[in-house]
Amino acid sequence: MQGLINLDQKVFYWFNSFLERNDIFDFIVKVIAVYAIYLIPILFILFWFLQRREKTQKFLLELFFVLVVSWQVIARAIGMIINRPRPDMFTGAKEILFHPPTYSFPSDHALFLACVTVYLYLSGYKKIANYSLIAMITIPIARVIIGFHFPGDILAGWIMGGALAYIFFLFKKPIEKYIVNPLYRVAKKMRLA
């Protein structure tokens, strides 16, 4: 196990070594690592109001439910149990941003993005899933570069996110029946759908 931890740290320091060489690179990596994730909820809202079709809106509710449970419940619970410190807690890690001392494992960004991507592929939304795949790769890697995560945190997040997407996809019909349909009826009553 110690060998894997040592390898994880070596790969982290290699990625992290790209920082503080070029101000433009640092700025771009910072924007990708911190702010690009906010495009997902913005896109959700845009699709909700621009694609005013019942099928699309129900799928967005379904995906939203899957992501909230995966990211805010399961990833947080695992993080609290394992409670691995972030790389910036170790000497020698460069950082261009302060991150509050929360857990590092798994990367909840990687888990969230993998869950989105895999769920989109499984649901047949291949075109948008291809764009999501780009975000799934670039955002977590940027978070390694700026010192928020070890590469192992990212890899674990991708694996867990993909597995959770698959598990939730297996329960697609009950999720639709007991969660999505009631939420959609509420949205219609509120004239949001």
N, C-alpha and C. Protein backbone atom coordinates (compact mmCIF):
# COMPACT_ATOMS: atom_id res chain seq x y z
N MET A 1 0.82 -1.20 0.00
CA MET A 1 0.00 0.00 0.00
C MET A 1 0.87 1.26 0.00
N GLN A 2 1.95 1.22 0.76
CA GLN A 2 2.83 2.38 0.84
C GLN A 2 3.44 2.69 -0.53
N GLY A 3 3.68 1.63 -1.33
CA GLY A 3 4.21 1.83 -2.68
C GLY A 3 3.24 2.61 -3.55
N LEU A 4 1.94 2.32 -3.43
CA LEU A 4 0.93 3.06 -4.19
C LEU A 4 0.86 4.52 -3.74
N ILE A 5 0.96 4.74 -2.44
CA ILE A 5 0.92 6.10 -1.90
C ILE A 5 2.13 6.89 -2.40
N ASN A 6 3.30 6.24 -2.39
CA ASN A 6 4.51 6.91 -2.88
C ASN A 6 4.40 7.25 -4.37
N LEU A 7 3.88 6.31 -5.16
CA LEU A 7 3.68 6.55 -6.59
C LEU A 7 2.69 7.70 -6.80
N ASP A 8 1.61 7.70 -6.04
CA ASP A 8 0.60 8.75 -6.12
C ASP A 8 1.24 10.11 -5.84
N GLN A 9 2.09 10.17 -4.82
CA GLN A 9 2.75 11.44 -4.48
C GLN A 9 3.74 11.86 -5.55
N LYS A 10 4.48 10.92 -6.13
CA LYS A 10 5.44 11.26 -7.19
C LYS A 10 4.72 11.82 -8.41
N VAL A 11 3.61 11.18 -8.80
CA VAL A 11 2.85 11.66 -9.96
C VAL A 11 2.26 13.03 -9.64
N PHE A 12 1.78 13.21 -8.41
CA PHE A 12 1.26 14.52 -8.01
C PHE A 12 2.32 15.59 -8.17
N TYR A 13 3.51 15.35 -7.63
CA TYR A 13 4.57 16.38 -7.70
C TYR A 13 4.97 16.68 -9.14
N TRP A 14 4.89 15.68 -10.02
CA TRP A 14 5.18 15.93 -11.44
C TRP A 14 4.15 16.90 -12.01
N PHE A 15 2.86 16.62 -11.79
CA PHE A 15 1.81 17.52 -12.28
C PHE A 15 1.94 18.90 -11.65
N ASN A 16 2.16 18.92 -10.34
CA ASN A 16 2.23 20.17 -9.59
C ASN A 16 3.44 21.02 -9.99
N SER A 17 4.45 20.38 -10.55
CA SER A 17 5.66 21.12 -10.95
C SER A 17 5.42 22.08 -12.11
N PHE A 18 4.30 21.93 -12.81
CA PHE A 18 3.99 22.84 -13.92
C PHE A 18 3.55 24.22 -13.44
N LEU A 19 3.20 24.33 -12.16
CA LEU A 19 2.77 25.61 -11.62
C LEU A 19 3.94 26.58 -11.48
N GLU A 20 3.61 27.85 -11.50
CA GLU A 20 4.54 28.95 -11.25
C GLU A 20 5.66 29.04 -12.29
N ARG A 21 5.41 28.53 -13.48
CA ARG A 21 6.36 28.69 -14.59
C ARG A 21 5.89 29.78 -15.54
N ASN A 22 4.56 29.92 -15.63
CA ASN A 22 3.97 30.85 -16.58
C ASN A 22 2.67 31.38 -16.00
N ASP A 23 2.55 32.69 -15.88
CA ASP A 23 1.37 33.29 -15.26
C ASP A 23 0.08 32.98 -16.04
N ILE A 24 0.17 32.95 -17.35
CA ILE A 24 -1.01 32.67 -18.18
C ILE A 24 -1.48 31.23 -17.95
N PHE A 25 -0.53 30.28 -17.94
CA PHE A 25 -0.86 28.88 -17.68
C PHE A 25 -1.51 28.75 -16.30
N ASP A 26 -0.91 29.39 -15.29
CA ASP A 26 -1.46 29.31 -13.93
C ASP A 26 -2.89 29.84 -13.89
N PHE A 27 -3.13 30.94 -14.58
CA PHE A 27 -4.47 31.53 -14.62
C PHE A 27 -5.47 30.58 -15.27
N ILE A 28 -5.10 30.01 -16.42
CA ILE A 28 -5.99 29.09 -17.15
C ILE A 28 -6.29 27.86 -16.30
N VAL A 29 -5.28 27.29 -15.70
CA VAL A 29 -5.47 26.09 -14.86
C VAL A 29 -6.37 26.42 -13.67
N LYS A 30 -6.16 27.58 -13.08
CA LYS A 30 -6.99 28.01 -11.95
C LYS A 30 -8.46 28.14 -12.36
N VAL A 31 -8.70 28.76 -13.50
CA VAL A 31 -10.08 28.93 -13.98
C VAL A 31 -10.72 27.57 -14.24
N ILE A 32 -9.99 26.67 -14.90
CA ILE A 32 -10.53 25.33 -15.18
C ILE A 32 -10.78 24.56 -13.89
N ALA A 33 -9.82 24.59 -12.97
CA ALA A 33 -9.91 23.81 -11.74
C ALA A 33 -11.01 24.28 -10.81
N VAL A 34 -11.24 25.59 -10.77
CA VAL A 34 -12.16 26.13 -9.78
C VAL A 34 -13.52 26.48 -10.37
N TYR A 35 -13.53 27.09 -11.55
CA TYR A 35 -14.78 27.68 -12.05
C TYR A 35 -15.49 26.90 -13.15
N ALA A 36 -14.80 26.04 -13.88
CA ALA A 36 -15.43 25.35 -15.01
C ALA A 36 -16.57 24.43 -14.58
N ILE A 37 -16.50 23.90 -13.37
CA ILE A 37 -17.55 23.00 -12.88
C ILE A 37 -18.91 23.70 -12.82
N TYR A 38 -18.89 25.03 -12.68
CA TYR A 38 -20.14 25.77 -12.58
C TYR A 38 -20.89 25.85 -13.91
N LEU A 39 -20.24 25.43 -14.99
CA LEU A 39 -20.94 25.37 -16.27
C LEU A 39 -22.03 24.31 -16.25
N ILE A 40 -21.85 23.25 -15.47
CA ILE A 40 -22.82 22.15 -15.43
C ILE A 40 -24.20 22.66 -14.96
N PRO A 41 -24.30 23.32 -13.80
CA PRO A 41 -25.63 23.79 -13.41
C PRO A 41 -26.19 24.85 -14.36
N ILE A 42 -25.32 25.67 -14.93
CA ILE A 42 -25.78 26.67 -15.90
C ILE A 42 -26.37 25.97 -17.11
N LEU A 43 -25.70 24.92 -17.59
CA LEU A 43 -26.22 24.16 -18.73
C LEU A 43 -27.53 23.45 -18.38
N PHE A 44 -27.64 22.94 -17.15
CA PHE A 44 -28.89 22.32 -16.71
C PHE A 44 -30.03 23.32 -16.84
N ILE A 45 -29.82 24.51 -16.32
CA ILE A 45 -30.86 25.54 -16.34
C ILE A 45 -31.20 25.94 -17.77
N LEU A 46 -30.17 26.13 -18.60
CA LEU A 46 -30.41 26.49 -20.00
C LEU A 46 -31.21 25.41 -20.72
N PHE A 47 -30.79 24.15 -20.57
CA PHE A 47 -31.52 23.06 -21.22
C PHE A 47 -32.95 22.96 -20.70
N TRP A 48 -33.12 23.17 -19.40
CA TRP A 48 -34.46 23.10 -18.82
C TRP A 48 -35.41 24.09 -19.50
N PHE A 49 -34.95 25.32 -19.65
CA PHE A 49 -35.83 26.36 -20.18
C PHE A 49 -35.83 26.46 -21.70
N LEU A 50 -34.75 26.02 -22.35
CA LEU A 50 -34.70 26.09 -23.82
C LEU A 50 -35.30 24.85 -24.47
N GLN A 51 -35.15 23.71 -23.85
CA GLN A 51 -35.69 22.46 -24.37
C GLN A 51 -36.95 22.11 -23.59
N ARG A 52 -37.99 22.84 -23.78
CA ARG A 52 -39.20 22.67 -22.97
C ARG A 52 -40.01 21.45 -23.41
N ARG A 53 -39.32 20.34 -23.52
CA ARG A 53 -39.98 19.08 -23.83
C ARG A 53 -40.01 18.24 -22.57
N GLU A 54 -41.11 17.55 -22.37
CA GLU A 54 -41.28 16.75 -21.15
C GLU A 54 -40.17 15.72 -20.99
N LYS A 55 -39.83 15.04 -22.07
CA LYS A 55 -38.79 14.00 -22.00
C LYS A 55 -37.45 14.58 -21.53
N THR A 56 -37.07 15.71 -22.10
CA THR A 56 -35.79 16.34 -21.74
C THR A 56 -35.82 16.81 -20.29
N GLN A 57 -36.90 17.46 -19.90
CA GLN A 57 -36.97 17.97 -18.54
C GLN A 57 -37.00 16.84 -17.50
N LYS A 58 -37.68 15.76 -17.82
CA LYS A 58 -37.69 14.62 -16.90
C LYS A 58 -36.30 14.00 -16.79
N PHE A 59 -35.60 13.93 -17.92
CA PHE A 59 -34.23 13.39 -17.86
C PHE A 59 -33.33 14.29 -17.02
N LEU A 60 -33.49 15.60 -17.14
CA LEU A 60 -32.69 16.52 -16.33
C LEU A 60 -32.98 16.34 -14.84
N LEU A 61 -34.22 16.13 -14.49
CA LEU A 61 -34.56 15.86 -13.08
C LEU A 61 -33.93 14.56 -12.61
N GLU A 62 -33.98 13.56 -13.46
CA GLU A 62 -33.39 12.25 -13.14
C GLU A 62 -31.89 12.39 -12.92
N LEU A 63 -31.22 13.05 -13.85
CA LEU A 63 -29.77 13.23 -13.74
C LEU A 63 -29.43 14.08 -12.52
N PHE A 64 -30.21 15.10 -12.26
CA PHE A 64 -29.99 15.95 -11.09
C PHE A 64 -30.07 15.12 -9.81
N PHE A 65 -31.08 14.27 -9.70
CA PHE A 65 -31.22 13.40 -8.53
C PHE A 65 -30.01 12.49 -8.37
N VAL A 66 -29.60 11.84 -9.46
CA VAL A 66 -28.45 10.93 -9.43
C VAL A 66 -27.20 11.67 -8.97
N LEU A 67 -27.00 12.87 -9.48
CA LEU A 67 -25.80 13.65 -9.14
C LEU A 67 -25.81 14.12 -7.70
N VAL A 68 -26.94 14.58 -7.24
CA VAL A 68 -27.01 15.06 -5.85
C VAL A 68 -26.72 13.92 -4.88
N VAL A 69 -27.33 12.77 -5.10
CA VAL A 69 -27.09 11.64 -4.20
C VAL A 69 -25.63 11.17 -4.30
N SER A 70 -25.11 11.07 -5.53
CA SER A 70 -23.73 10.60 -5.71
C SER A 70 -22.72 11.57 -5.11
N TRP A 71 -22.89 12.84 -5.39
CA TRP A 71 -21.90 13.86 -5.03
C TRP A 71 -22.06 14.31 -3.58
N GLN A 72 -23.28 14.68 -3.21
CA GLN A 72 -23.47 15.29 -1.91
C GLN A 72 -23.69 14.29 -0.78
N VAL A 73 -24.05 13.07 -1.10
CA VAL A 73 -24.28 12.08 -0.05
C VAL A 73 -23.16 11.04 -0.04
N ILE A 74 -23.01 10.30 -1.14
CA ILE A 74 -22.06 9.18 -1.17
C ILE A 74 -20.61 9.66 -1.13
N ALA A 75 -20.24 10.62 -1.99
CA ALA A 75 -18.84 11.11 -2.01
C ALA A 75 -18.46 11.74 -0.67
N ARG A 76 -19.37 12.52 -0.10
CA ARG A 76 -19.07 13.15 1.20
C ARG A 76 -18.90 12.11 2.30
N ALA A 77 -19.76 11.09 2.31
CA ALA A 77 -19.65 10.05 3.33
C ALA A 77 -18.31 9.31 3.22
N ILE A 78 -17.93 8.96 2.00
CA ILE A 78 -16.64 8.27 1.80
C ILE A 78 -15.50 9.18 2.22
N GLY A 79 -15.56 10.45 1.84
CA GLY A 79 -14.52 11.40 2.20
C GLY A 79 -14.36 11.56 3.70
N MET A 80 -15.47 11.58 4.42
CA MET A 80 -15.41 11.72 5.88
C MET A 80 -14.85 10.46 6.53
N ILE A 81 -15.16 9.31 5.95
CA ILE A 81 -14.67 8.05 6.52
C ILE A 81 -13.16 7.91 6.29
N ILE A 82 -12.71 8.16 5.07
CA ILE A 82 -11.28 7.99 4.74
C ILE A 82 -10.47 9.19 5.21
N ASN A 83 -11.00 10.38 5.01
CA ASN A 83 -10.41 11.63 5.50
C ASN A 83 -8.92 11.80 5.15
N ARG A 84 -8.60 11.64 3.89
CA ARG A 84 -7.22 11.83 3.43
C ARG A 84 -6.95 13.33 3.29
N PRO A 85 -5.85 13.81 3.86
CA PRO A 85 -5.56 15.25 3.73
C PRO A 85 -5.22 15.63 2.28
N ARG A 86 -5.45 16.88 1.96
CA ARG A 86 -5.14 17.39 0.63
C ARG A 86 -3.63 17.52 0.47
N PRO A 87 -3.15 17.51 -0.79
CA PRO A 87 -1.72 17.59 -1.04
C PRO A 87 -1.05 18.84 -0.49
N ASP A 88 -1.79 19.95 -0.42
CA ASP A 88 -1.16 21.18 0.06
C ASP A 88 -0.81 21.12 1.55
N MET A 89 -1.23 20.05 2.21
CA MET A 89 -0.85 19.85 3.61
C MET A 89 0.56 19.26 3.73
N PHE A 90 1.10 18.80 2.59
CA PHE A 90 2.44 18.21 2.57
C PHE A 90 3.45 19.25 2.13
N THR A 91 4.66 19.13 2.60
CA THR A 91 5.69 20.08 2.21
C THR A 91 6.09 19.86 0.75
N GLY A 92 6.42 20.94 0.11
CA GLY A 92 6.88 20.87 -1.27
C GLY A 92 5.79 21.04 -2.30
N ALA A 93 4.53 21.02 -1.90
CA ALA A 93 3.44 21.20 -2.86
C ALA A 93 3.27 22.70 -3.13
N LYS A 94 3.23 23.04 -4.41
CA LYS A 94 2.98 24.43 -4.79
C LYS A 94 1.48 24.65 -4.82
N GLU A 95 1.07 25.83 -4.40
CA GLU A 95 -0.35 26.14 -4.51
C GLU A 95 -0.52 27.60 -4.90
N ILE A 96 -1.47 27.83 -5.81
CA ILE A 96 -1.76 29.20 -6.21
C ILE A 96 -3.09 29.66 -5.64
N LEU A 97 -3.77 28.76 -4.96
CA LEU A 97 -5.06 29.04 -4.34
C LEU A 97 -5.12 28.34 -3.00
N PHE A 98 -5.76 28.96 -2.06
CA PHE A 98 -5.98 28.31 -0.78
C PHE A 98 -7.24 27.46 -0.90
N HIS A 99 -7.19 26.26 -0.37
CA HIS A 99 -8.38 25.41 -0.33
C HIS A 99 -8.64 25.07 1.13
N PRO A 100 -9.87 25.25 1.59
CA PRO A 100 -10.17 24.90 2.98
C PRO A 100 -9.78 23.44 3.25
N PRO A 101 -9.32 23.16 4.45
CA PRO A 101 -8.85 21.81 4.76
C PRO A 101 -9.99 20.79 4.87
N THR A 102 -10.42 20.29 3.72
CA THR A 102 -11.43 19.25 3.67
C THR A 102 -10.77 17.98 3.15
N TYR A 103 -11.55 16.93 2.98
CA TYR A 103 -10.98 15.67 2.52
C TYR A 103 -10.54 15.75 1.07
N SER A 104 -9.60 14.87 0.72
CA SER A 104 -9.06 14.83 -0.63
C SER A 104 -9.57 13.62 -1.40
N PHE A 105 -9.90 12.54 -0.69
CA PHE A 105 -10.27 11.27 -1.33
C PHE A 105 -11.71 10.94 -1.05
N PRO A 106 -12.49 10.64 -2.07
CA PRO A 106 -12.19 10.76 -3.49
C PRO A 106 -12.40 12.20 -3.95
N SER A 107 -11.95 12.51 -5.12
CA SER A 107 -12.23 13.83 -5.69
C SER A 107 -13.71 13.87 -6.02
N ASP A 108 -14.43 14.75 -5.33
CA ASP A 108 -15.87 14.82 -5.62
C ASP A 108 -16.14 15.44 -6.99
N HIS A 109 -15.22 16.29 -7.48
CA HIS A 109 -15.36 16.82 -8.84
C HIS A 109 -15.23 15.69 -9.87
N ALA A 110 -14.23 14.83 -9.68
CA ALA A 110 -14.03 13.71 -10.61
C ALA A 110 -15.21 12.75 -10.54
N LEU A 111 -15.69 12.47 -9.34
CA LEU A 111 -16.83 11.58 -9.18
C LEU A 111 -18.06 12.18 -9.86
N PHE A 112 -18.33 13.45 -9.61
CA PHE A 112 -19.47 14.14 -10.20
C PHE A 112 -19.41 14.11 -11.72
N LEU A 113 -18.26 14.47 -12.28
CA LEU A 113 -18.12 14.54 -13.75
C LEU A 113 -18.18 13.15 -14.39
N ALA A 114 -17.60 12.15 -13.75
CA ALA A 114 -17.68 10.78 -14.28
C ALA A 114 -19.12 10.29 -14.24
N CYS A 115 -19.82 10.61 -13.16
CA CYS A 115 -21.21 10.21 -13.03
C CYS A 115 -22.06 10.85 -14.13
N VAL A 116 -21.86 12.14 -14.37
CA VAL A 116 -22.58 12.83 -15.45
C VAL A 116 -22.29 12.16 -16.78
N THR A 117 -21.02 11.99 -17.07
CA THR A 117 -20.60 11.47 -18.38
C THR A 117 -21.13 10.06 -18.62
N VAL A 118 -20.91 9.17 -17.69
CA VAL A 118 -21.34 7.78 -17.86
C VAL A 118 -22.86 7.70 -17.94
N TYR A 119 -23.56 8.47 -17.12
CA TYR A 119 -25.03 8.44 -17.15
C TYR A 119 -25.55 8.96 -18.49
N LEU A 120 -24.91 9.98 -19.02
CA LEU A 120 -25.31 10.49 -20.34
C LEU A 120 -25.10 9.42 -21.42
N TYR A 121 -23.94 8.76 -21.39
CA TYR A 121 -23.68 7.69 -22.38
C TYR A 121 -24.71 6.57 -22.24
N LEU A 122 -24.95 6.11 -21.01
CA LEU A 122 -25.90 5.02 -20.79
C LEU A 122 -27.31 5.39 -21.24
N SER A 123 -27.66 6.66 -21.11
CA SER A 123 -29.00 7.13 -21.46
C SER A 123 -29.15 7.47 -22.94
N GLY A 124 -28.06 7.32 -23.70
CA GLY A 124 -28.15 7.54 -25.14
C GLY A 124 -27.86 8.96 -25.59
N TYR A 125 -27.40 9.82 -24.70
CA TYR A 125 -27.06 11.20 -25.06
C TYR A 125 -25.56 11.28 -25.38
N LYS A 126 -25.17 10.60 -26.45
CA LYS A 126 -23.74 10.44 -26.76
C LYS A 126 -23.05 11.74 -27.14
N LYS A 127 -23.72 12.59 -27.89
CA LYS A 127 -23.08 13.83 -28.34
C LYS A 127 -22.70 14.73 -27.17
N ILE A 128 -23.65 14.96 -26.27
CA ILE A 128 -23.35 15.79 -25.11
C ILE A 128 -22.41 15.07 -24.15
N ALA A 129 -22.47 13.74 -24.11
CA ALA A 129 -21.57 12.96 -23.26
C ALA A 129 -20.12 13.13 -23.72
N ASN A 130 -19.91 13.29 -25.02
CA ASN A 130 -18.55 13.51 -25.52
C ASN A 130 -17.97 14.82 -24.98
N TYR A 131 -18.80 15.86 -24.91
CA TYR A 131 -18.34 17.13 -24.33
C TYR A 131 -18.10 16.98 -22.83
N SER A 132 -18.98 16.24 -22.20
CA SER A 132 -18.82 15.99 -20.77
C SER A 132 -17.53 15.22 -20.48
N LEU A 133 -17.17 14.33 -21.39
CA LEU A 133 -15.94 13.56 -21.23
C LEU A 133 -14.71 14.47 -21.21
N ILE A 134 -14.73 15.50 -22.05
CA ILE A 134 -13.62 16.47 -22.06
C ILE A 134 -13.52 17.15 -20.70
N ALA A 135 -14.66 17.58 -20.16
CA ALA A 135 -14.67 18.22 -18.84
C ALA A 135 -14.24 17.23 -17.77
N MET A 136 -14.67 15.98 -17.91
CA MET A 136 -14.34 14.94 -16.93
C MET A 136 -12.83 14.73 -16.83
N ILE A 137 -12.14 14.92 -17.92
CA ILE A 137 -10.68 14.74 -17.92
C ILE A 137 -9.96 16.02 -17.50
N THR A 138 -10.34 17.15 -18.10
CA THR A 138 -9.56 18.38 -17.89
C THR A 138 -9.73 18.99 -16.50
N ILE A 139 -10.95 19.03 -15.98
CA ILE A 139 -11.17 19.70 -14.69
C ILE A 139 -10.44 18.98 -13.55
N PRO A 140 -10.58 17.66 -13.40
CA PRO A 140 -9.84 17.00 -12.32
C PRO A 140 -8.32 17.08 -12.46
N ILE A 141 -7.81 16.99 -13.69
CA ILE A 141 -6.36 17.10 -13.87
C ILE A 141 -5.88 18.49 -13.47
N ALA A 142 -6.67 19.51 -13.81
CA ALA A 142 -6.32 20.87 -13.38
C ALA A 142 -6.30 20.96 -11.86
N ARG A 143 -7.19 20.22 -11.20
CA ARG A 143 -7.22 20.24 -9.74
C ARG A 143 -6.01 19.53 -9.12
N VAL A 144 -5.44 18.59 -9.85
CA VAL A 144 -4.18 17.98 -9.39
C VAL A 144 -3.05 18.99 -9.56
N ILE A 145 -3.01 19.64 -10.71
CA ILE A 145 -1.93 20.60 -10.98
C ILE A 145 -1.90 21.71 -9.92
N ILE A 146 -3.06 22.24 -9.54
CA ILE A 146 -3.04 23.34 -8.57
C ILE A 146 -2.93 22.88 -7.12
N GLY A 147 -2.86 21.57 -6.90
CA GLY A 147 -2.57 21.07 -5.56
C GLY A 147 -3.77 20.71 -4.71
N PHE A 148 -4.95 20.58 -5.31
CA PHE A 148 -6.14 20.23 -4.54
C PHE A 148 -6.29 18.73 -4.33
N HIS A 149 -5.73 17.93 -5.26
CA HIS A 149 -5.92 16.48 -5.19
C HIS A 149 -4.67 15.74 -5.62
N PHE A 150 -4.55 14.51 -5.12
CA PHE A 150 -3.57 13.56 -5.63
C PHE A 150 -4.19 12.87 -6.84
N PRO A 151 -3.38 12.36 -7.77
CA PRO A 151 -3.94 11.64 -8.92
C PRO A 151 -4.81 10.45 -8.50
N GLY A 152 -4.46 9.77 -7.41
CA GLY A 152 -5.27 8.65 -6.93
C GLY A 152 -6.67 9.07 -6.52
N ASP A 153 -6.79 10.29 -6.01
CA ASP A 153 -8.12 10.82 -5.66
C ASP A 153 -8.99 10.95 -6.90
N ILE A 154 -8.36 11.39 -7.98
CA ILE A 154 -9.06 11.58 -9.26
C ILE A 154 -9.47 10.23 -9.83
N LEU A 155 -8.52 9.31 -9.86
CA LEU A 155 -8.79 7.98 -10.39
C LEU A 155 -9.93 7.31 -9.60
N ALA A 156 -9.88 7.40 -8.29
CA ALA A 156 -10.94 6.83 -7.45
C ALA A 156 -12.28 7.52 -7.74
N GLY A 157 -12.25 8.84 -7.90
CA GLY A 157 -13.48 9.58 -8.21
C GLY A 157 -14.08 9.14 -9.54
N TRP A 158 -13.21 8.96 -10.56
CA TRP A 158 -13.70 8.50 -11.86
C TRP A 158 -14.33 7.11 -11.75
N ILE A 159 -13.65 6.20 -11.07
CA ILE A 159 -14.16 4.83 -10.92
C ILE A 159 -15.48 4.82 -10.15
N MET A 160 -15.51 5.52 -9.03
CA MET A 160 -16.73 5.55 -8.21
C MET A 160 -17.88 6.24 -8.96
N GLY A 161 -17.57 7.34 -9.63
CA GLY A 161 -18.61 8.06 -10.37
C GLY A 161 -19.20 7.22 -11.49
N GLY A 162 -18.33 6.52 -12.22
CA GLY A 162 -18.82 5.63 -13.28
C GLY A 162 -19.64 4.49 -12.72
N ALA A 163 -19.18 3.91 -11.62
CA ALA A 163 -19.91 2.80 -10.99
C ALA A 163 -21.26 3.26 -10.46
N LEU A 164 -21.30 4.42 -9.83
CA LEU A 164 -22.56 4.94 -9.31
C LEU A 164 -23.54 5.25 -10.44
N ALA A 165 -23.04 5.81 -11.53
CA ALA A 165 -23.90 6.08 -12.69
C ALA A 165 -24.53 4.78 -13.18
N TYR A 166 -23.72 3.75 -13.27
CA TYR A 166 -24.22 2.46 -13.74
C TYR A 166 -25.27 1.89 -12.78
N ILE A 167 -24.98 1.95 -11.48
CA ILE A 167 -25.92 1.43 -10.48
C ILE A 167 -27.24 2.20 -10.53
N PHE A 168 -27.15 3.53 -10.58
CA PHE A 168 -28.38 4.32 -10.66
C PHE A 168 -29.13 4.04 -11.96
N PHE A 169 -28.39 3.81 -13.04
CA PHE A 169 -29.04 3.51 -14.32
C PHE A 169 -29.85 2.21 -14.23
N LEU A 170 -29.36 1.26 -13.46
CA LEU A 170 -30.09 0.01 -13.27
C LEU A 170 -31.43 0.25 -12.57
N PHE A 171 -31.51 1.32 -11.78
CA PHE A 171 -32.73 1.66 -11.06
C PHE A 171 -33.48 2.83 -11.71
N LYS A 172 -33.28 2.99 -12.99
CA LYS A 172 -33.85 4.11 -13.75
C LYS A 172 -35.38 4.16 -13.62
N LYS A 173 -36.05 3.04 -13.79
CA LYS A 173 -37.53 3.02 -13.76
C LYS A 173 -38.09 3.41 -12.39
N PRO A 174 -37.59 2.83 -11.27
CA PRO A 174 -38.11 3.29 -9.97
C PRO A 174 -37.78 4.76 -9.68
N ILE A 175 -36.60 5.21 -10.11
CA ILE A 175 -36.25 6.62 -9.90
C ILE A 175 -37.24 7.51 -10.65
N GLU A 176 -37.55 7.10 -11.88
CA GLU A 176 -38.49 7.88 -12.68
C GLU A 176 -39.88 7.88 -12.03
N LYS A 177 -40.32 6.71 -11.59
CA LYS A 177 -41.67 6.57 -11.04
C LYS A 177 -41.83 7.30 -9.71
N TYR A 178 -40.88 7.14 -8.80
CA TYR A 178 -41.06 7.63 -7.44
C TYR A 178 -40.42 9.00 -7.16
N ILE A 179 -39.53 9.44 -8.03
CA ILE A 179 -38.85 10.71 -7.77
C ILE A 179 -39.09 11.70 -8.90
N VAL A 180 -38.78 11.29 -10.12
CA VAL A 180 -38.85 12.22 -11.26
C VAL A 180 -40.28 12.65 -11.56
N ASN A 181 -41.19 11.70 -11.68
CA ASN A 181 -42.57 12.05 -12.02
C ASN A 181 -43.22 12.97 -10.99
N PRO A 182 -43.09 12.70 -9.68
CA PRO A 182 -43.64 13.65 -8.71
C PRO A 182 -42.99 15.04 -8.78
N LEU A 183 -41.67 15.08 -8.96
CA LEU A 183 -40.99 16.37 -9.09
C LEU A 183 -41.45 17.12 -10.33
N TYR A 184 -41.64 16.39 -11.40
CA TYR A 184 -42.09 17.02 -12.65
C TYR A 184 -43.50 17.60 -12.49
N ARG A 185 -44.38 16.88 -11.77
CA ARG A 185 -45.73 17.39 -11.53
C ARG A 185 -45.68 18.70 -10.71
N VAL A 186 -44.80 18.73 -9.73
CA VAL A 186 -44.63 19.96 -8.93
C VAL A 186 -44.13 21.10 -9.82
N ALA A 187 -43.15 20.81 -10.68
CA ALA A 187 -42.61 21.83 -11.59
C ALA A 187 -43.71 22.36 -12.52
N LYS A 188 -44.58 21.47 -12.97
CA LYS A 188 -45.69 21.90 -13.85
C LYS A 188 -46.66 22.79 -13.10
N LYS A 189 -46.97 22.43 -11.86
CA LYS A 189 -47.88 23.24 -11.05
C LYS A 189 -47.30 24.63 -10.80
N MET A 190 -45.98 24.68 -10.66
CA MET A 190 -45.31 25.96 -10.44
C MET A 190 -45.04 26.71 -11.75
N ARG A 191 -45.47 26.11 -12.86
CA ARG A 191 -45.29 26.68 -14.21
C ARG A 191 -43.82 26.82 -14.60
N LEU A 192 -43.02 25.88 -14.10
CA LEU A 192 -41.60 25.85 -14.48
C LEU A 192 -41.35 24.85 -15.60
N ALA A 193 -42.33 24.03 -15.89
CA ALA A 193 -42.19 23.02 -16.95
C ALA A 193 -43.26 23.23 -18.00
